[in-house]
Amino acid sequence: MEFLKNLANLIKVKTLVTLTVISVFAILALRGNIPSDDVMHIVVSVIAFYFGTQHEKGVK
């Protein structure tokens, strides 16, 4: 039952957007389209925002 609850939490829109943004920028960096330093700043910003909003809600 706990597994299904965790899976349902992963399929939230904010989580999907976060994973998509990280994936797109990682692919662009691996292809050499954008510098890896730029990817690092963008990904860290997205992750910080995501976990900051999760912490603010009290979701762990």
Protein backbone atom coordinates (compact mmCIF):
# COMPACT_ATOMS: atom_id res chain seq x y z
CA MET A 1 0.00 0.00 0.00
CA GLU A 2 2.85 2.39 0.83
CA PHE A 3 4.43 1.62 -2.54
CA LEU A 4 1.29 2.67 -4.40
CA LYS A 5 1.09 5.88 -2.39
CA ASN A 6 4.70 6.72 -3.22
CA LEU A 7 4.10 5.91 -6.88
CA ALA A 8 1.06 8.18 -6.97
CA ASN A 9 3.13 11.01 -5.50
CA LEU A 10 5.72 10.59 -8.26
CA ILE A 11 3.13 11.04 -10.96
CA LYS A 12 2.26 14.57 -9.95
CA VAL A 13 2.59 17.28 -12.55
CA LYS A 14 5.30 19.17 -10.70
CA THR A 15 7.41 16.04 -10.44
CA LEU A 16 6.99 15.25 -14.13
CA VAL A 17 7.95 18.80 -15.11
CA THR A 18 11.02 18.68 -12.86
CA LEU A 19 12.19 15.35 -14.28
CA THR A 20 11.53 16.53 -17.84
CA VAL A 21 13.52 19.75 -17.40
CA ILE A 22 16.43 17.90 -15.87
CA SER A 23 16.36 15.26 -18.63
CA VAL A 24 16.22 17.81 -21.46
CA PHE A 25 19.12 19.85 -20.13
CA ALA A 26 21.16 16.71 -19.43
CA ILE A 27 20.63 15.50 -23.00
CA LEU A 28 21.55 18.91 -24.42
CA ALA A 29 24.73 18.94 -22.34
CA LEU A 30 25.70 15.43 -23.41
CA ARG A 31 25.19 16.38 -27.06
CA GLY A 32 27.35 19.45 -26.55
CA ASN A 33 24.60 21.92 -27.47
CA ILE A 34 25.00 23.85 -24.21
CA PRO A 35 27.88 24.04 -21.75
CA SER A 36 27.70 21.68 -18.79
CA ASP A 37 28.15 24.59 -16.36
CA ASP A 38 24.89 26.10 -17.60
CA VAL A 39 23.14 22.76 -17.15
CA MET A 40 24.41 22.49 -13.61
CA HIS A 41 23.03 25.92 -12.67
CA ILE A 42 19.65 25.23 -14.26
CA VAL A 43 19.26 21.75 -12.76
CA VAL A 44 20.28 22.92 -9.29
CA SER A 45 17.77 25.78 -9.52
CA VAL A 46 14.96 23.44 -10.57
CA ILE A 47 15.77 20.90 -7.87
CA ALA A 48 16.06 23.59 -5.20
CA PHE A 49 12.70 25.02 -6.20
CA TYR A 50 11.07 21.60 -6.28
CA PHE A 51 12.35 20.49 -2.88
CA GLY A 52 11.78 23.96 -1.41
CA THR A 53 8.10 23.84 -2.31
CA GLN A 54 7.82 20.26 -1.05
CA HIS A 55 9.40 21.23 2.27
CA GLU A 56 7.16 24.28 2.56
CA LYS A 57 4.10 22.06 2.19
CA GLY A 58 5.42 19.70 4.84
CA VAL A 59 5.63 16.77 2.39
CA LYS A 60 8.56 14.48 3.03
